[in-house]
Amino acid sequence: MTTRWILALPGALIASVLTMATMPLWMPQGGAQIDHIVMPVVLFPLIWVVFFMYCCMEENLPRGSLVMIGTIAFQSFLIVTAF
């Protein structure tokens, strides 16, 4: 129960913030050149809900932990390489 709580609350929040931070790197720019910045902010609640629900519904906690850790590591890698 504690693992699922840690995975679903702070884990989902960290993963969604990092995903939102890396979205301008891989989203195409719009006509006004601001769509790749605005869309991650608008989509943040949906991204968080996806990660949160995945953590709550996952039956295999070790696999869920590896998926979340892999997502966080990949997003962190993208941020580091962008700078």
Protein backbone atom coordinates (compact mmCIF):
# COMPACT_ATOMS: atom_id res chain seq x y z
CA MET A 1 0.00 0.00 0.00
CA THR A 2 2.81 2.42 0.83
CA THR A 3 4.60 1.66 -2.44
CA ARG A 4 1.45 2.38 -4.44
CA TRP A 5 0.93 5.63 -2.52
CA ILE A 6 4.50 6.79 -3.18
CA LEU A 7 4.25 5.72 -6.81
CA ALA A 8 0.88 7.39 -7.40
CA LEU A 9 1.27 10.73 -5.64
CA PRO A 10 4.84 12.09 -5.71
CA GLY A 11 5.95 9.73 -8.48
CA ALA A 12 3.11 10.74 -10.81
CA LEU A 13 3.64 14.41 -10.02
CA ILE A 14 7.37 14.26 -10.76
CA ALA A 15 6.81 12.30 -13.97
CA SER A 16 4.11 14.68 -15.19
CA VAL A 17 6.15 17.81 -14.41
CA LEU A 18 9.16 16.37 -16.24
CA THR A 19 6.97 15.35 -19.18
CA MET A 20 5.50 18.84 -19.32
CA ALA A 21 9.02 20.32 -19.20
CA THR A 22 10.24 18.20 -22.11
CA MET A 23 7.20 18.60 -24.37
CA PRO A 24 8.54 21.81 -26.02
CA LEU A 25 11.55 19.76 -27.15
CA TRP A 26 9.54 17.28 -29.21
CA MET A 27 6.29 19.11 -30.02
CA PRO A 28 6.17 20.96 -33.35
CA GLN A 29 5.96 24.73 -33.25
CA GLY A 30 2.71 26.29 -34.32
CA GLY A 31 2.10 29.20 -36.63
CA ALA A 32 2.53 31.78 -33.86
CA GLN A 33 5.62 29.97 -32.52
CA ILE A 34 4.02 29.60 -29.06
CA ASP A 35 1.95 26.41 -29.39
CA HIS A 36 4.85 24.22 -28.28
CA ILE A 37 5.02 26.22 -25.01
CA VAL A 38 1.30 26.67 -24.29
CA MET A 39 0.13 23.13 -25.01
CA PRO A 40 2.20 21.43 -22.27
CA VAL A 41 0.76 23.83 -19.69
CA VAL A 42 -2.78 23.22 -20.92
CA LEU A 43 -2.27 19.44 -21.07
CA PHE A 44 -0.58 19.16 -17.64
CA PRO A 45 -3.75 18.03 -15.77
CA LEU A 46 -4.39 15.32 -18.36
CA ILE A 47 -0.77 14.14 -18.22
CA TRP A 48 -0.93 13.95 -14.42
CA VAL A 49 -4.20 12.00 -14.49
CA VAL A 50 -2.73 9.48 -16.94
CA PHE A 51 0.29 8.82 -14.72
CA PHE A 52 -1.82 8.78 -11.54
CA MET A 53 -4.39 6.36 -12.93
CA TYR A 54 -1.66 4.10 -14.31
CA CYS A 55 -0.09 3.90 -10.85
CA CYS A 56 -3.44 3.22 -9.19
CA MET A 57 -4.58 0.58 -11.68
CA GLU A 58 -1.28 -1.28 -12.15
CA GLU A 59 -1.50 -4.74 -10.59
CA ASN A 60 2.21 -5.52 -10.82
CA LEU A 61 3.90 -2.92 -8.61
CA PRO A 62 7.50 -3.79 -9.54
CA ARG A 63 6.67 -3.32 -13.23
CA GLY A 64 4.82 -0.09 -12.47
CA SER A 65 7.78 1.19 -10.50
CA LEU A 66 10.14 0.37 -13.35
CA VAL A 67 7.88 2.12 -15.86
CA MET A 68 7.69 5.26 -13.71
CA ILE A 69 11.44 5.25 -12.98
CA GLY A 70 12.16 4.73 -16.68
CA THR A 71 9.83 7.57 -17.63
CA ILE A 72 11.42 9.91 -15.09
CA ALA A 73 14.93 8.91 -16.17
CA PHE A 74 14.17 9.36 -19.87
CA GLN A 75 12.55 12.77 -19.36
CA SER A 76 15.47 13.85 -17.17
CA PHE A 77 17.89 12.71 -19.87
CA LEU A 78 16.05 14.81 -22.47
CA ILE A 79 16.21 17.88 -20.23
CA VAL A 80 19.93 17.41 -19.55
CA THR A 81 20.77 16.94 -23.23
CA ALA A 82 18.77 20.02 -24.20
CA PHE A 83 21.09 22.19 -22.13
